[in-house]
């Protein structure tokens, strides 16, 4: 029943790595996301069919991208 935060990232994405070290490491952000299940989705090849499907589901056009899933 918890909301899920999907963090779409890649090892080559400098902004993704920066977000992990700064924004997502910030105590206030951590507290705000405490009730979320966090899933890191490695999107190394945005053109791969499985990756493309996930990114399209969330309307992501690039990385980093974040999506939220909530229980109905």
C-alpha atoms as a PDB file:
ATOM      1  CA  UNK A   1       0.000   0.000   0.000  1.00  0.00           C
ATOM      2  CA  UNK A   2       3.003   2.337   0.122  1.00  0.00           C
ATOM      3  CA  UNK A   3       3.769   4.688  -2.766  1.00  0.00           C
ATOM      4  CA  UNK A   4       6.781   3.767  -4.908  1.00  0.00           C
ATOM      5  CA  UNK A   5       9.431   6.197  -6.166  1.00  0.00           C
ATOM      6  CA  UNK A   6      11.022   4.941  -9.391  1.00  0.00           C
ATOM      7  CA  UNK A   7      14.449   6.530  -9.929  1.00  0.00           C
ATOM      8  CA  UNK A   8      15.475   6.073 -13.569  1.00  0.00           C
ATOM      9  CA  UNK A   9      19.218   6.521 -13.968  1.00  0.00           C
ATOM     10  CA  UNK A  10      22.369   5.382 -15.802  1.00  0.00           C
ATOM     11  CA  UNK A  11      26.042   5.130 -14.881  1.00  0.00           C
ATOM     12  CA  UNK A  12      26.960   7.515 -17.708  1.00  0.00           C
ATOM     13  CA  UNK A  13      24.454  10.157 -16.548  1.00  0.00           C
ATOM     14  CA  UNK A  14      26.388  12.812 -14.617  1.00  0.00           C
ATOM     15  CA  UNK A  15      23.192  14.519 -13.464  1.00  0.00           C
ATOM     16  CA  UNK A  16      21.880  11.197 -12.122  1.00  0.00           C
ATOM     17  CA  UNK A  17      25.017  10.681 -10.047  1.00  0.00           C
ATOM     18  CA  UNK A  18      24.914  14.278  -8.829  1.00  0.00           C
ATOM     19  CA  UNK A  19      21.268  13.932  -7.756  1.00  0.00           C
ATOM     20  CA  UNK A  20      22.178  10.845  -5.702  1.00  0.00           C
ATOM     21  CA  UNK A  21      24.968  12.721  -3.924  1.00  0.00           C
ATOM     22  CA  UNK A  22      23.098  15.973  -3.357  1.00  0.00           C
ATOM     23  CA  UNK A  23      19.312  16.214  -3.565  1.00  0.00           C
ATOM     24  CA  UNK A  24      18.477  12.603  -2.712  1.00  0.00           C
ATOM     25  CA  UNK A  25      21.029  12.630   0.127  1.00  0.00           C
ATOM     26  CA  UNK A  26      19.529  15.770   1.679  1.00  0.00           C
ATOM     27  CA  UNK A  27      18.002  14.994   5.103  1.00  0.00           C
ATOM     28  CA  UNK A  28      14.786  16.910   4.316  1.00  0.00           C
ATOM     29  CA  UNK A  29      14.306  15.004   1.059  1.00  0.00           C
ATOM     30  CA  UNK A  30      15.038  11.707   2.801  1.00  0.00           C
ATOM     31  CA  UNK A  31      12.431  12.560   5.428  1.00  0.00           C
ATOM     32  CA  UNK A  32       9.861  13.530   2.779  1.00  0.00           C
ATOM     33  CA  UNK A  33      10.429  10.208   0.992  1.00  0.00           C
ATOM     34  CA  UNK A  34      10.542   8.086   4.149  1.00  0.00           C
ATOM     35  CA  UNK A  35       7.127   6.564   3.425  1.00  0.00           C
ATOM     36  CA  UNK A  36       8.052   5.567  -0.133  1.00  0.00           C
ATOM     37  CA  UNK A  37       9.462   2.319  -1.419  1.00  0.00           C
ATOM     38  CA  UNK A  38      12.443   3.368  -3.552  1.00  0.00           C
ATOM     39  CA  UNK A  39      13.291   1.527  -6.758  1.00  0.00           C
ATOM     40  CA  UNK A  40      16.379   2.395  -8.806  1.00  0.00           C
ATOM     41  CA  UNK A  41      15.747   1.484 -12.436  1.00  0.00           C
ATOM     42  CA  UNK A  42      18.997   1.364 -14.394  1.00  0.00           C
ATOM     43  CA  UNK A  43      18.270   2.774 -17.842  1.00  0.00           C
ATOM     44  CA  UNK A  44      21.703   2.406 -19.449  1.00  0.00           C
ATOM     45  CA  UNK A  45      20.247   2.137 -22.963  1.00  0.00           C
ATOM     46  CA  UNK A  46      17.157   4.351 -23.252  1.00  0.00           C
ATOM     47  CA  UNK A  47      16.451   2.833 -26.689  1.00  0.00           C
ATOM     48  CA  UNK A  48      16.250  -0.746 -25.374  1.00  0.00           C
ATOM     49  CA  UNK A  49      12.610  -1.931 -25.596  1.00  0.00           C
ATOM     50  CA  UNK A  50      12.194  -2.654 -21.854  1.00  0.00           C
ATOM     51  CA  UNK A  51      13.764   0.660 -20.838  1.00  0.00           C
ATOM     52  CA  UNK A  52      11.798   2.598 -23.441  1.00  0.00           C
ATOM     53  CA  UNK A  53       8.550   1.075 -22.140  1.00  0.00           C
ATOM     54  CA  UNK A  54       9.240   2.139 -18.549  1.00  0.00           C
ATOM     55  CA  UNK A  55      10.356   5.630 -19.522  1.00  0.00           C
ATOM     56  CA  UNK A  56       7.288   6.110 -21.741  1.00  0.00           C
ATOM     57  CA  UNK A  57       5.028   4.922 -18.894  1.00  0.00           C
ATOM     58  CA  UNK A  58       6.279   7.866 -16.827  1.00  0.00           C
ATOM     59  CA  UNK A  59       6.576  10.341 -19.684  1.00  0.00           C
ATOM     60  CA  UNK A  60      10.352  10.559 -19.202  1.00  0.00           C
ATOM     61  CA  UNK A  61      12.254  12.084 -22.112  1.00  0.00           C
ATOM     62  CA  UNK A  62      15.730  11.856 -20.587  1.00  0.00           C
ATOM     63  CA  UNK A  63      17.701  11.040 -17.472  1.00  0.00           C
ATOM     64  CA  UNK A  64      17.525  11.460 -14.607  1.00  0.00           C
ATOM     65  CA  UNK A  65      13.815  10.866 -14.369  1.00  0.00           C
ATOM     66  CA  UNK A  66      11.538   9.990 -11.483  1.00  0.00           C
ATOM     67  CA  UNK A  67       8.109   8.450 -11.362  1.00  0.00           C
ATOM     68  CA  UNK A  68       5.658   7.761  -8.573  1.00  0.00           C
ATOM     69  CA  UNK A  69       3.310   4.814  -8.345  1.00  0.00           C
ATOM     70  CA  UNK A  70       0.456   4.915  -5.838  1.00  0.00           C
ATOM     71  CA  UNK A  71      -1.852   2.110  -4.806  1.00  0.00           C
ATOM     72  CA  UNK A  72      -5.417   2.415  -6.052  1.00  0.00           C
END
